[in-house]
Amino acid sequence: MTTLTLISKPDCHLCDVAREIVDVVVADLPENDVEVEEVSILDDPALYDAWWEKIPVVLIDDRLHAHWRLDAGRLRSALTEASAGPAAPTTTAPEEDSA
């Protein structure tokens, strides 16, 4: 399962917009593919120090996906890719020596 973390704070217009985008995108994905967690920078001094000037911040599996503004299409692609798991390594057949 993929985890999306929305780092926000109360009374933040951009956070409200990001929350709406997250809700719409996650609703379109298969059930139980994405777990959404929202945390406030006001509840955690370390989060405040790290992100206060960049909220809202969206992390996917603890990796930064976006801050300030969130694009629904980009988020959907990232979550779909993350839910699919790591890509299988590709192998190529060895080239034959033509000598």
N, C-alpha and C. Protein backbone atom coordinates (compact mmCIF):
# COMPACT_ATOMS: atom_id res chain seq x y z
N MET A 1 0.84 -1.18 0.00
CA MET A 1 0.00 0.00 0.00
C MET A 1 0.88 1.24 0.00
N THR A 2 0.49 2.21 -0.78
CA THR A 2 1.20 3.47 -0.88
C THR A 2 0.67 4.42 0.19
N THR A 3 1.57 5.18 0.80
CA THR A 3 1.16 6.16 1.80
C THR A 3 1.37 7.56 1.24
N LEU A 4 0.33 8.36 1.28
CA LEU A 4 0.40 9.77 0.91
C LEU A 4 0.26 10.56 2.20
N THR A 5 1.21 11.43 2.45
CA THR A 5 1.16 12.29 3.63
C THR A 5 0.98 13.73 3.18
N LEU A 6 -0.06 14.36 3.70
CA LEU A 6 -0.30 15.77 3.44
C LEU A 6 0.11 16.54 4.69
N ILE A 7 1.10 17.39 4.54
CA ILE A 7 1.56 18.22 5.65
C ILE A 7 0.92 19.59 5.45
N SER A 8 0.17 20.02 6.46
CA SER A 8 -0.64 21.24 6.31
C SER A 8 -0.70 21.98 7.64
N LYS A 9 -1.61 22.94 7.70
CA LYS A 9 -1.94 23.62 8.95
C LYS A 9 -3.35 24.15 8.82
N PRO A 10 -4.00 24.42 9.94
CA PRO A 10 -5.36 24.97 9.89
C PRO A 10 -5.37 26.36 9.23
N ASP A 11 -6.52 26.70 8.65
CA ASP A 11 -6.73 28.01 8.04
C ASP A 11 -5.72 28.33 6.93
N CYS A 12 -5.40 27.32 6.14
CA CYS A 12 -4.47 27.48 5.02
C CYS A 12 -5.24 27.19 3.74
N HIS A 13 -5.47 28.22 2.93
CA HIS A 13 -6.25 28.06 1.70
C HIS A 13 -5.61 27.05 0.75
N LEU A 14 -4.31 27.13 0.55
CA LEU A 14 -3.65 26.18 -0.35
C LEU A 14 -3.75 24.75 0.18
N CYS A 15 -3.74 24.62 1.50
CA CYS A 15 -3.89 23.28 2.11
C CYS A 15 -5.28 22.72 1.81
N ASP A 16 -6.29 23.58 1.89
CA ASP A 16 -7.67 23.15 1.57
C ASP A 16 -7.77 22.68 0.13
N VAL A 17 -7.15 23.42 -0.79
CA VAL A 17 -7.16 23.04 -2.20
C VAL A 17 -6.43 21.70 -2.39
N ALA A 18 -5.27 21.57 -1.77
CA ALA A 18 -4.51 20.33 -1.90
C ALA A 18 -5.30 19.14 -1.35
N ARG A 19 -5.98 19.34 -0.23
CA ARG A 19 -6.78 18.27 0.38
C ARG A 19 -7.88 17.82 -0.58
N GLU A 20 -8.52 18.78 -1.24
CA GLU A 20 -9.58 18.44 -2.21
C GLU A 20 -9.01 17.65 -3.39
N ILE A 21 -7.85 18.05 -3.89
CA ILE A 21 -7.22 17.33 -5.00
C ILE A 21 -6.87 15.92 -4.57
N VAL A 22 -6.29 15.77 -3.39
CA VAL A 22 -5.94 14.44 -2.88
C VAL A 22 -7.19 13.57 -2.79
N ASP A 23 -8.27 14.11 -2.23
CA ASP A 23 -9.51 13.34 -2.08
C ASP A 23 -10.05 12.87 -3.42
N VAL A 24 -10.06 13.75 -4.41
CA VAL A 24 -10.59 13.40 -5.73
C VAL A 24 -9.71 12.34 -6.40
N VAL A 25 -8.41 12.54 -6.37
CA VAL A 25 -7.50 11.60 -7.04
C VAL A 25 -7.55 10.23 -6.37
N VAL A 26 -7.49 10.19 -5.05
CA VAL A 26 -7.50 8.91 -4.34
C VAL A 26 -8.83 8.18 -4.55
N ALA A 27 -9.92 8.92 -4.64
CA ALA A 27 -11.23 8.30 -4.87
C ALA A 27 -11.30 7.59 -6.22
N ASP A 28 -10.50 8.04 -7.18
CA ASP A 28 -10.48 7.42 -8.51
C ASP A 28 -9.61 6.18 -8.59
N LEU A 29 -8.81 5.94 -7.58
CA LEU A 29 -7.89 4.79 -7.59
C LEU A 29 -8.56 3.59 -6.93
N PRO A 30 -8.04 2.38 -7.20
CA PRO A 30 -8.62 1.20 -6.55
C PRO A 30 -8.58 1.34 -5.03
N GLU A 31 -9.65 0.85 -4.40
CA GLU A 31 -9.77 0.93 -2.95
C GLU A 31 -8.59 0.25 -2.28
N ASN A 32 -8.10 0.85 -1.22
CA ASN A 32 -7.00 0.33 -0.41
C ASN A 32 -5.63 0.39 -1.09
N ASP A 33 -5.51 1.10 -2.22
CA ASP A 33 -4.20 1.28 -2.85
C ASP A 33 -3.39 2.37 -2.16
N VAL A 34 -4.09 3.38 -1.63
CA VAL A 34 -3.41 4.53 -1.05
C VAL A 34 -3.99 4.84 0.33
N GLU A 35 -3.10 4.95 1.28
CA GLU A 35 -3.49 5.39 2.63
C GLU A 35 -3.12 6.86 2.75
N VAL A 36 -4.08 7.69 3.12
CA VAL A 36 -3.85 9.13 3.24
C VAL A 36 -3.73 9.49 4.72
N GLU A 37 -2.67 10.22 5.01
CA GLU A 37 -2.42 10.69 6.37
C GLU A 37 -2.21 12.20 6.29
N GLU A 38 -2.89 12.94 7.15
CA GLU A 38 -2.67 14.39 7.19
C GLU A 38 -2.10 14.77 8.54
N VAL A 39 -1.05 15.57 8.50
CA VAL A 39 -0.42 16.03 9.74
C VAL A 39 -0.27 17.55 9.67
N SER A 40 -0.39 18.17 10.83
CA SER A 40 -0.28 19.61 10.92
C SER A 40 1.11 20.01 11.42
N ILE A 41 1.66 21.04 10.79
CA ILE A 41 2.96 21.52 11.26
C ILE A 41 2.85 22.13 12.66
N LEU A 42 1.64 22.46 13.07
CA LEU A 42 1.46 23.05 14.40
C LEU A 42 1.55 22.01 15.51
N ASP A 43 1.44 20.73 15.15
CA ASP A 43 1.50 19.66 16.14
C ASP A 43 2.88 19.04 16.30
N ASP A 44 3.84 19.46 15.45
CA ASP A 44 5.15 18.83 15.47
C ASP A 44 6.22 19.88 15.15
N PRO A 45 7.01 20.26 16.15
CA PRO A 45 8.03 21.30 15.93
C PRO A 45 9.02 20.95 14.81
N ALA A 46 9.36 19.69 14.65
CA ALA A 46 10.29 19.30 13.59
C ALA A 46 9.66 19.52 12.21
N LEU A 47 8.39 19.16 12.08
CA LEU A 47 7.68 19.41 10.82
C LEU A 47 7.59 20.91 10.56
N TYR A 48 7.31 21.67 11.59
CA TYR A 48 7.22 23.12 11.44
C TYR A 48 8.54 23.68 10.93
N ASP A 49 9.64 23.28 11.56
CA ASP A 49 10.96 23.77 11.16
C ASP A 49 11.29 23.40 9.71
N ALA A 50 10.90 22.20 9.30
CA ALA A 50 11.23 21.72 7.97
C ALA A 50 10.35 22.31 6.87
N TRP A 51 9.08 22.53 7.16
CA TRP A 51 8.13 22.82 6.09
C TRP A 51 7.32 24.10 6.22
N TRP A 52 7.47 24.91 7.26
CA TRP A 52 6.56 26.02 7.51
C TRP A 52 6.36 26.93 6.32
N GLU A 53 7.38 27.15 5.50
CA GLU A 53 7.22 28.08 4.39
C GLU A 53 6.86 27.39 3.07
N LYS A 54 6.63 26.07 3.11
CA LYS A 54 6.34 25.35 1.87
C LYS A 54 5.00 24.62 1.88
N ILE A 55 4.23 24.74 2.96
CA ILE A 55 2.97 23.99 3.01
C ILE A 55 1.99 24.54 1.98
N PRO A 56 1.11 23.69 1.48
CA PRO A 56 1.01 22.27 1.78
C PRO A 56 2.14 21.49 1.11
N VAL A 57 2.50 20.42 1.76
CA VAL A 57 3.54 19.52 1.25
C VAL A 57 2.90 18.14 1.11
N VAL A 58 3.19 17.48 -0.01
CA VAL A 58 2.69 16.13 -0.23
C VAL A 58 3.89 15.20 -0.36
N LEU A 59 3.89 14.18 0.49
CA LEU A 59 4.90 13.13 0.43
C LEU A 59 4.24 11.85 -0.05
N ILE A 60 4.91 11.11 -0.90
CA ILE A 60 4.45 9.79 -1.30
C ILE A 60 5.50 8.81 -0.82
N ASP A 61 5.07 7.92 0.06
CA ASP A 61 5.98 6.97 0.69
C ASP A 61 7.22 7.69 1.25
N ASP A 62 6.96 8.78 1.96
CA ASP A 62 7.97 9.58 2.65
C ASP A 62 8.94 10.31 1.72
N ARG A 63 8.62 10.39 0.43
CA ARG A 63 9.44 11.14 -0.51
C ARG A 63 8.64 12.36 -0.99
N LEU A 64 9.31 13.49 -1.09
CA LEU A 64 8.65 14.72 -1.52
C LEU A 64 8.06 14.56 -2.92
N HIS A 65 6.78 14.85 -3.03
CA HIS A 65 6.13 14.86 -4.34
C HIS A 65 5.88 16.30 -4.78
N ALA A 66 5.36 17.14 -3.89
CA ALA A 66 5.05 18.52 -4.26
C ALA A 66 4.93 19.39 -3.02
N HIS A 67 5.09 20.68 -3.23
CA HIS A 67 4.79 21.65 -2.18
C HIS A 67 4.16 22.87 -2.83
N TRP A 68 3.46 23.66 -2.06
CA TRP A 68 2.69 24.84 -2.45
C TRP A 68 1.49 24.49 -3.32
N ARG A 69 1.71 24.08 -4.53
CA ARG A 69 0.59 23.78 -5.44
C ARG A 69 0.68 22.32 -5.89
N LEU A 70 -0.49 21.69 -5.98
CA LEU A 70 -0.57 20.28 -6.31
C LEU A 70 -1.30 20.11 -7.63
N ASP A 71 -0.74 19.34 -8.54
CA ASP A 71 -1.35 19.07 -9.83
C ASP A 71 -1.99 17.68 -9.80
N ALA A 72 -3.30 17.61 -10.08
CA ALA A 72 -4.04 16.35 -9.98
C ALA A 72 -3.49 15.29 -10.93
N GLY A 73 -3.19 15.66 -12.16
CA GLY A 73 -2.68 14.69 -13.13
C GLY A 73 -1.34 14.12 -12.72
N ARG A 74 -0.47 14.98 -12.26
CA ARG A 74 0.86 14.52 -11.82
C ARG A 74 0.74 13.63 -10.58
N LEU A 75 -0.16 14.01 -9.67
CA LEU A 75 -0.38 13.19 -8.46
C LEU A 75 -0.93 11.82 -8.84
N ARG A 76 -1.92 11.80 -9.73
CA ARG A 76 -2.52 10.53 -10.15
C ARG A 76 -1.45 9.61 -10.76
N SER A 77 -0.62 10.15 -11.62
CA SER A 77 0.45 9.36 -12.24
C SER A 77 1.42 8.82 -11.20
N ALA A 78 1.81 9.67 -10.26
CA ALA A 78 2.76 9.25 -9.23
C ALA A 78 2.17 8.17 -8.34
N LEU A 79 0.90 8.31 -7.97
CA LEU A 79 0.28 7.30 -7.11
C LEU A 79 0.06 5.99 -7.86
N THR A 80 -0.30 6.07 -9.12
CA THR A 80 -0.48 4.86 -9.92
C THR A 80 0.84 4.12 -10.05
N GLU A 81 1.90 4.87 -10.30
CA GLU A 81 3.23 4.26 -10.42
C GLU A 81 3.67 3.66 -9.09
N ALA A 82 3.46 4.37 -8.00
CA ALA A 82 3.86 3.88 -6.68
C ALA A 82 3.07 2.63 -6.29
N SER A 83 1.78 2.59 -6.64
CA SER A 83 0.94 1.44 -6.30
C SER A 83 1.31 0.21 -7.11
N ALA A 84 1.86 0.44 -8.30
CA ALA A 84 2.25 -0.68 -9.15
C ALA A 84 3.50 -1.37 -8.62
N GLY A 85 4.22 -0.70 -7.76
CA GLY A 85 5.44 -1.28 -7.19
C GLY A 85 6.63 -1.00 -8.09
N PRO A 86 7.77 -1.47 -7.67
CA PRO A 86 8.98 -1.21 -8.46
C PRO A 86 8.89 -1.92 -9.81
N ALA A 87 9.40 -1.26 -10.81
CA ALA A 87 9.40 -1.85 -12.15
C ALA A 87 10.36 -3.03 -12.19
N ALA A 88 9.96 -4.04 -12.91
CA ALA A 88 10.82 -5.22 -13.07
C ALA A 88 12.02 -4.82 -13.92
N PRO A 89 13.18 -5.30 -13.55
CA PRO A 89 14.36 -4.96 -14.34
C PRO A 89 14.23 -5.55 -15.74
N THR A 90 14.69 -4.80 -16.70
CA THR A 90 14.65 -5.30 -18.06
C THR A 90 15.99 -5.93 -18.40
N THR A 91 15.92 -6.99 -19.15
CA THR A 91 17.16 -7.65 -19.58
C THR A 91 17.16 -7.71 -21.09
N THR A 92 18.32 -7.66 -21.65
CA THR A 92 18.44 -7.77 -23.09
C THR A 92 19.29 -8.98 -23.40
N ALA A 93 19.01 -9.57 -24.53
CA ALA A 93 19.81 -10.73 -24.95
C ALA A 93 21.20 -10.26 -25.32
N PRO A 94 22.19 -11.05 -25.00
CA PRO A 94 23.56 -10.64 -25.37
C PRO A 94 23.69 -10.62 -26.89
N GLU A 95 24.46 -9.66 -27.36
CA GLU A 95 24.69 -9.56 -28.80
C GLU A 95 25.66 -10.65 -29.23
N GLU A 96 25.39 -11.18 -30.40
CA GLU A 96 26.28 -12.21 -30.95
C GLU A 96 27.46 -11.54 -31.61
N ASP A 97 28.62 -12.19 -31.52
CA ASP A 97 29.80 -11.70 -32.17
C ASP A 97 29.72 -12.07 -33.64
N SER A 98 29.78 -11.07 -34.51
CA SER A 98 29.63 -11.34 -35.93
C SER A 98 30.94 -11.63 -36.61
N ALA A 99 32.01 -11.81 -35.88
CA ALA A 99 33.34 -12.05 -36.47
C ALA A 99 33.50 -13.42 -37.00
